[in-house]
Amino acid sequence: MKHKLLLLYAWFVRTLMYFFPDIPFIMRIRGYLYNLGMPTPAKNLQVSATAIIKNLENCFFNDDVYLAPFVVVNAIDKITLEKQVMIGFSSVLVSGNHSAVNGSFRFGDSIKSPIVVGLGAWVGANCTLTAGSLLPTGSLLAANSVISKVQVREFAIYGGVPAKCIGSVKS
């Protein structure tokens, strides 16, 4: 029952705040409202009007997180965004995968696995993070990349399909 109420609440927040502009003050209000349904409170959570967040009870967002326009977060299992994480335009985070039954994915059960995006990481535009993926601290996921497993090298640049380390972040 709680799950259904939180789905309805997330829909209500999105509908209520959809026509307000994406300026930092309004995005913080949106983030605050979404945060009320999440297990842990976060300061300065900024959510764009067109972002979609499903299953708030599995979203563990920390302080100073930014979700750009058209981001989709489907937290079938736990999704953790550490402090100072930025998720770029049209990126998708889904913590569940389909399984095949009798050669078809249509009726297979979901395979759930958490997603973690480390402190200060940046996910570029049009990226996909699938179940069981980890983007380490201070790392960058290049635009149009897919990360589907645990990456271990911190302060690295990952890119491609599937994402591989292609460089290091220089500060």
C-alpha atoms as a PDB file:
ATOM      1  CA  MET A   1       0.000   0.000   0.000  1.00  0.00           C
ATOM      2  CA  LYS A   2       2.843   2.406   0.866  1.00  0.00           C
ATOM      3  CA  HIS A   3       4.409   1.760  -2.555  1.00  0.00           C
ATOM      4  CA  LYS A   4       1.195   2.726  -4.355  1.00  0.00           C
ATOM      5  CA  LEU A   5       0.774   5.862  -2.251  1.00  0.00           C
ATOM      6  CA  LEU A   6       4.339   6.945  -3.019  1.00  0.00           C
ATOM      7  CA  LEU A   7       3.788   6.344  -6.752  1.00  0.00           C
ATOM      8  CA  LEU A   8       0.696   8.523  -6.568  1.00  0.00           C
ATOM      9  CA  TYR A   9       2.557  11.138  -4.507  1.00  0.00           C
ATOM     10  CA  ALA A  10       5.433  11.300  -7.039  1.00  0.00           C
ATOM     11  CA  TRP A  11       2.900  11.706  -9.848  1.00  0.00           C
ATOM     12  CA  PHE A  12       1.175  14.469  -7.853  1.00  0.00           C
ATOM     13  CA  VAL A  13       4.451  16.363  -7.298  1.00  0.00           C
ATOM     14  CA  ARG A  14       5.378  16.092 -10.975  1.00  0.00           C
ATOM     15  CA  THR A  15       1.931  17.233 -12.112  1.00  0.00           C
ATOM     16  CA  LEU A  16       1.722  20.075  -9.587  1.00  0.00           C
ATOM     17  CA  MET A  17       5.187  21.456 -10.362  1.00  0.00           C
ATOM     18  CA  TYR A  18       5.399  20.661 -14.089  1.00  0.00           C
ATOM     19  CA  PHE A  19       4.571  24.133 -15.421  1.00  0.00           C
ATOM     20  CA  PHE A  20       6.909  26.021 -13.116  1.00  0.00           C
ATOM     21  CA  PRO A  21      10.222  27.036 -14.738  1.00  0.00           C
ATOM     22  CA  ASP A  22      13.502  25.214 -14.203  1.00  0.00           C
ATOM     23  CA  ILE A  23      15.228  27.838 -12.104  1.00  0.00           C
ATOM     24  CA  PRO A  24      17.276  26.780  -9.059  1.00  0.00           C
ATOM     25  CA  PHE A  25      14.740  28.017  -6.491  1.00  0.00           C
ATOM     26  CA  ILE A  26      11.819  26.131  -8.075  1.00  0.00           C
ATOM     27  CA  MET A  27      13.984  23.048  -8.687  1.00  0.00           C
ATOM     28  CA  ARG A  28      14.852  23.011  -4.967  1.00  0.00           C
ATOM     29  CA  ILE A  29      11.151  23.165  -4.065  1.00  0.00           C
ATOM     30  CA  ARG A  30      10.508  20.239  -6.420  1.00  0.00           C
ATOM     31  CA  GLY A  31      13.420  18.369  -4.823  1.00  0.00           C
ATOM     32  CA  TYR A  32      12.089  19.114  -1.341  1.00  0.00           C
ATOM     33  CA  LEU A  33       8.663  17.742  -2.255  1.00  0.00           C
ATOM     34  CA  TYR A  34      10.131  14.560  -3.774  1.00  0.00           C
ATOM     35  CA  ASN A  35      12.404  14.253  -0.744  1.00  0.00           C
ATOM     36  CA  LEU A  36       9.406  13.943   1.581  1.00  0.00           C
ATOM     37  CA  GLY A  37       8.742  10.483   0.121  1.00  0.00           C
ATOM     38  CA  MET A  38      12.366   9.303   0.250  1.00  0.00           C
ATOM     39  CA  PRO A  39      13.916   7.378   3.170  1.00  0.00           C
ATOM     40  CA  THR A  40      16.743   9.878   3.769  1.00  0.00           C
ATOM     41  CA  PRO A  41      16.549  13.684   3.666  1.00  0.00           C
ATOM     42  CA  ALA A  42      18.825  15.585   1.272  1.00  0.00           C
ATOM     43  CA  LYS A  43      19.670  19.265   1.150  1.00  0.00           C
ATOM     44  CA  ASN A  44      19.635  21.160  -2.142  1.00  0.00           C
ATOM     45  CA  LEU A  45      18.141  18.360  -4.246  1.00  0.00           C
ATOM     46  CA  GLN A  46      17.344  20.007  -7.592  1.00  0.00           C
ATOM     47  CA  VAL A  47      14.890  18.232  -9.895  1.00  0.00           C
ATOM     48  CA  SER A  48      13.852  19.426 -13.345  1.00  0.00           C
ATOM     49  CA  ALA A  49      10.159  19.656 -14.258  1.00  0.00           C
ATOM     50  CA  THR A  50      10.410  16.897 -16.861  1.00  0.00           C
ATOM     51  CA  ALA A  51      12.375  14.437 -14.701  1.00  0.00           C
ATOM     52  CA  ILE A  52      10.509  11.269 -13.730  1.00  0.00           C
ATOM     53  CA  ILE A  53      11.256   9.559 -10.407  1.00  0.00           C
ATOM     54  CA  LYS A  54       9.517   6.270  -9.661  1.00  0.00           C
ATOM     55  CA  ASN A  55       9.642   4.232  -6.449  1.00  0.00           C
ATOM     56  CA  LEU A  56      10.712   6.986  -4.060  1.00  0.00           C
ATOM     57  CA  GLU A  57      11.108   4.469  -1.237  1.00  0.00           C
ATOM     58  CA  ASN A  58      14.212   3.064  -2.999  1.00  0.00           C
ATOM     59  CA  CYS A  59      15.822   6.443  -3.791  1.00  0.00           C
ATOM     60  CA  PHE A  60      18.706   7.401  -1.519  1.00  0.00           C
ATOM     61  CA  PHE A  61      19.789  10.834  -2.755  1.00  0.00           C
ATOM     62  CA  ASN A  62      22.348  12.876  -0.820  1.00  0.00           C
ATOM     63  CA  ASP A  63      23.019  16.620  -0.660  1.00  0.00           C
ATOM     64  CA  ASP A  64      23.545  18.812  -3.742  1.00  0.00           C
ATOM     65  CA  VAL A  65      22.187  16.351  -6.325  1.00  0.00           C
ATOM     66  CA  TYR A  66      20.979  17.704  -9.686  1.00  0.00           C
ATOM     67  CA  LEU A  67      18.610  15.894 -12.074  1.00  0.00           C
ATOM     68  CA  ALA A  68      18.477  17.535 -15.522  1.00  0.00           C
ATOM     69  CA  PRO A  69      15.460  17.624 -17.860  1.00  0.00           C
ATOM     70  CA  PHE A  70      14.041  14.311 -19.119  1.00  0.00           C
ATOM     71  CA  VAL A  71      15.974  12.168 -16.607  1.00  0.00           C
ATOM     72  CA  VAL A  72      14.192   8.922 -15.689  1.00  0.00           C
ATOM     73  CA  VAL A  73      14.913   7.232 -12.348  1.00  0.00           C
ATOM     74  CA  ASN A  74      13.146   3.880 -11.920  1.00  0.00           C
ATOM     75  CA  ALA A  75      14.253   2.597  -8.530  1.00  0.00           C
ATOM     76  CA  ILE A  76      13.050  -1.003  -8.616  1.00  0.00           C
ATOM     77  CA  ASP A  77      15.944  -1.682  -6.220  1.00  0.00           C
ATOM     78  CA  LYS A  78      18.024   0.819  -4.250  1.00  0.00           C
ATOM     79  CA  ILE A  79      19.516   3.750  -6.191  1.00  0.00           C
ATOM     80  CA  THR A  80      22.095   5.802  -4.298  1.00  0.00           C
ATOM     81  CA  LEU A  81      23.296   9.173  -5.541  1.00  0.00           C
ATOM     82  CA  GLU A  82      26.082  10.428  -3.281  1.00  0.00           C
ATOM     83  CA  LYS A  83      26.733  14.118  -2.596  1.00  0.00           C
ATOM     84  CA  GLN A  84      27.316  16.573  -5.469  1.00  0.00           C
ATOM     85  CA  VAL A  85      26.148  14.221  -8.237  1.00  0.00           C
ATOM     86  CA  MET A  86      24.892  15.622 -11.540  1.00  0.00           C
ATOM     87  CA  ILE A  87      22.730  13.552 -13.883  1.00  0.00           C
ATOM     88  CA  GLY A  88      22.652  14.946 -17.443  1.00  0.00           C
ATOM     89  CA  PHE A  89      19.805  15.432 -19.911  1.00  0.00           C
ATOM     90  CA  SER A  90      17.751  12.381 -20.910  1.00  0.00           C
ATOM     91  CA  SER A  91      19.727   9.917 -18.798  1.00  0.00           C
ATOM     92  CA  VAL A  92      18.063   6.761 -17.486  1.00  0.00           C
ATOM     93  CA  LEU A  93      18.758   4.938 -14.209  1.00  0.00           C
ATOM     94  CA  VAL A  94      16.935   1.612 -13.874  1.00  0.00           C
ATOM     95  CA  SER A  95      17.842  -0.808 -11.076  1.00  0.00           C
ATOM     96  CA  GLY A  96      16.078  -3.806 -12.597  1.00  0.00           C
ATOM     97  CA  ASN A  97      16.606  -5.964 -15.676  1.00  0.00           C
ATOM     98  CA  HIS A  98      14.294  -8.390 -17.425  1.00  0.00           C
ATOM     99  CA  SER A  99      14.847 -12.141 -17.426  1.00  0.00           C
ATOM    100  CA  ALA A 100      13.816 -14.544 -20.153  1.00  0.00           C
ATOM    101  CA  VAL A 101      11.177 -17.238 -19.712  1.00  0.00           C
ATOM    102  CA  ASN A 102      10.714 -19.732 -22.546  1.00  0.00           C
ATOM    103  CA  GLY A 103      12.718 -17.532 -24.905  1.00  0.00           C
ATOM    104  CA  SER A 104      10.693 -14.374 -24.200  1.00  0.00           C
ATOM    105  CA  PHE A 105      11.447 -11.395 -21.980  1.00  0.00           C
ATOM    106  CA  ARG A 106       7.767 -10.416 -21.776  1.00  0.00           C
ATOM    107  CA  PHE A 107       6.807 -12.461 -18.714  1.00  0.00           C
ATOM    108  CA  GLY A 108      10.192 -12.901 -17.031  1.00  0.00           C
ATOM    109  CA  ASP A 109      10.749 -11.702 -13.484  1.00  0.00           C
ATOM    110  CA  SER A 110      12.773  -8.575 -12.796  1.00  0.00           C
ATOM    111  CA  ILE A 111      16.371  -9.086 -11.755  1.00  0.00           C
ATOM    112  CA  LYS A 112      17.021  -6.382  -9.167  1.00  0.00           C
ATOM    113  CA  SER A 113      20.390  -4.924  -8.259  1.00  0.00           C
ATOM    114  CA  PRO A 114      21.333  -1.547  -6.742  1.00  0.00           C
ATOM    115  CA  ILE A 115      22.913   1.394  -8.565  1.00  0.00           C
ATOM    116  CA  VAL A 116      25.468   3.671  -6.884  1.00  0.00           C
ATOM    117  CA  VAL A 117      26.818   6.948  -8.256  1.00  0.00           C
ATOM    118  CA  GLY A 118      29.769   8.122  -6.163  1.00  0.00           C
ATOM    119  CA  LEU A 119      30.586  11.471  -4.588  1.00  0.00           C
ATOM    120  CA  GLY A 120      30.926  14.298  -7.118  1.00  0.00           C
ATOM    121  CA  ALA A 121      30.356  12.096 -10.169  1.00  0.00           C
ATOM    122  CA  TRP A 122      28.854  13.472 -13.372  1.00  0.00           C
ATOM    123  CA  VAL A 123      26.650  11.469 -15.717  1.00  0.00           C
ATOM    124  CA  GLY A 124      26.589  13.062 -19.183  1.00  0.00           C
ATOM    125  CA  ALA A 125      23.568  13.432 -21.445  1.00  0.00           C
ATOM    126  CA  ASN A 126      21.675  10.417 -22.821  1.00  0.00           C
ATOM    127  CA  CYS A 127      23.439   7.890 -20.581  1.00  0.00           C
ATOM    128  CA  THR A 128      22.000   4.664 -19.213  1.00  0.00           C
ATOM    129  CA  LEU A 129      22.890   3.136 -15.848  1.00  0.00           C
ATOM    130  CA  THR A 130      21.575  -0.394 -15.490  1.00  0.00           C
ATOM    131  CA  ALA A 131      21.081  -2.673 -12.491  1.00  0.00           C
ATOM    132  CA  GLY A 132      24.260  -3.434 -10.578  1.00  0.00           C
ATOM    133  CA  SER A 133      26.272  -0.508 -11.900  1.00  0.00           C
ATOM    134  CA  LEU A 134      28.651   1.656  -9.877  1.00  0.00           C
ATOM    135  CA  LEU A 135      30.166   4.937 -11.046  1.00  0.00           C
ATOM    136  CA  PRO A 136      33.040   5.737  -8.650  1.00  0.00           C
ATOM    137  CA  THR A 137      33.811   8.953  -6.785  1.00  0.00           C
ATOM    138  CA  GLY A 138      34.735  11.947  -8.940  1.00  0.00           C
ATOM    139  CA  SER A 139      34.173  10.083 -12.194  1.00  0.00           C
ATOM    140  CA  LEU A 140      32.584  11.205 -15.430  1.00  0.00           C
ATOM    141  CA  LEU A 141      30.343   9.073 -17.642  1.00  0.00           C
ATOM    142  CA  ALA A 142      30.625  10.460 -21.172  1.00  0.00           C
ATOM    143  CA  ALA A 143      27.504  11.301 -23.174  1.00  0.00           C
ATOM    144  CA  ASN A 144      25.608   8.431 -24.833  1.00  0.00           C
ATOM    145  CA  SER A 145      27.327   5.782 -22.697  1.00  0.00           C
ATOM    146  CA  VAL A 146      25.922   2.699 -20.994  1.00  0.00           C
ATOM    147  CA  ILE A 147      27.332   1.548 -17.669  1.00  0.00           C
ATOM    148  CA  SER A 148      26.242  -1.928 -16.675  1.00  0.00           C
ATOM    149  CA  LYS A 149      28.764  -3.129 -14.108  1.00  0.00           C
ATOM    150  CA  VAL A 150      30.885  -1.990 -11.199  1.00  0.00           C
ATOM    151  CA  GLN A 151      33.705   0.341 -12.194  1.00  0.00           C
ATOM    152  CA  VAL A 152      36.473   0.717  -9.621  1.00  0.00           C
ATOM    153  CA  ARG A 153      38.843   3.462 -10.770  1.00  0.00           C
ATOM    154  CA  GLU A 154      38.016   6.782  -9.106  1.00  0.00           C
ATOM    155  CA  PHE A 155      38.439  10.138 -10.879  1.00  0.00           C
ATOM    156  CA  ALA A 156      38.237   8.451 -14.263  1.00  0.00           C
ATOM    157  CA  ILE A 157      36.388   9.166 -17.488  1.00  0.00           C
ATOM    158  CA  TYR A 158      34.199   6.305 -18.675  1.00  0.00           C
ATOM    159  CA  GLY A 159      32.627   6.167 -22.113  1.00  0.00           C
ATOM    160  CA  GLY A 160      31.180   3.869 -24.745  1.00  0.00           C
ATOM    161  CA  VAL A 161      28.735   1.001 -24.955  1.00  0.00           C
ATOM    162  CA  PRO A 162      29.487  -0.722 -22.633  1.00  0.00           C
ATOM    163  CA  ALA A 163      31.392   1.968 -20.732  1.00  0.00           C
ATOM    164  CA  LYS A 164      35.141   1.504 -20.297  1.00  0.00           C
ATOM    165  CA  CYS A 165      37.773   3.733 -18.743  1.00  0.00           C
ATOM    166  CA  ILE A 166      38.991   6.113 -21.463  1.00  0.00           C
ATOM    167  CA  GLY A 167      40.935   8.637 -19.396  1.00  0.00           C
ATOM    168  CA  SER A 168      41.329  10.362 -16.080  1.00  0.00           C
ATOM    169  CA  VAL A 169      39.771  13.489 -14.635  1.00  0.00           C
ATOM    170  CA  LYS A 170      42.246  16.312 -14.146  1.00  0.00           C
ATOM    171  CA  SER A 171      41.332  18.887 -11.522  1.00  0.00           C
END
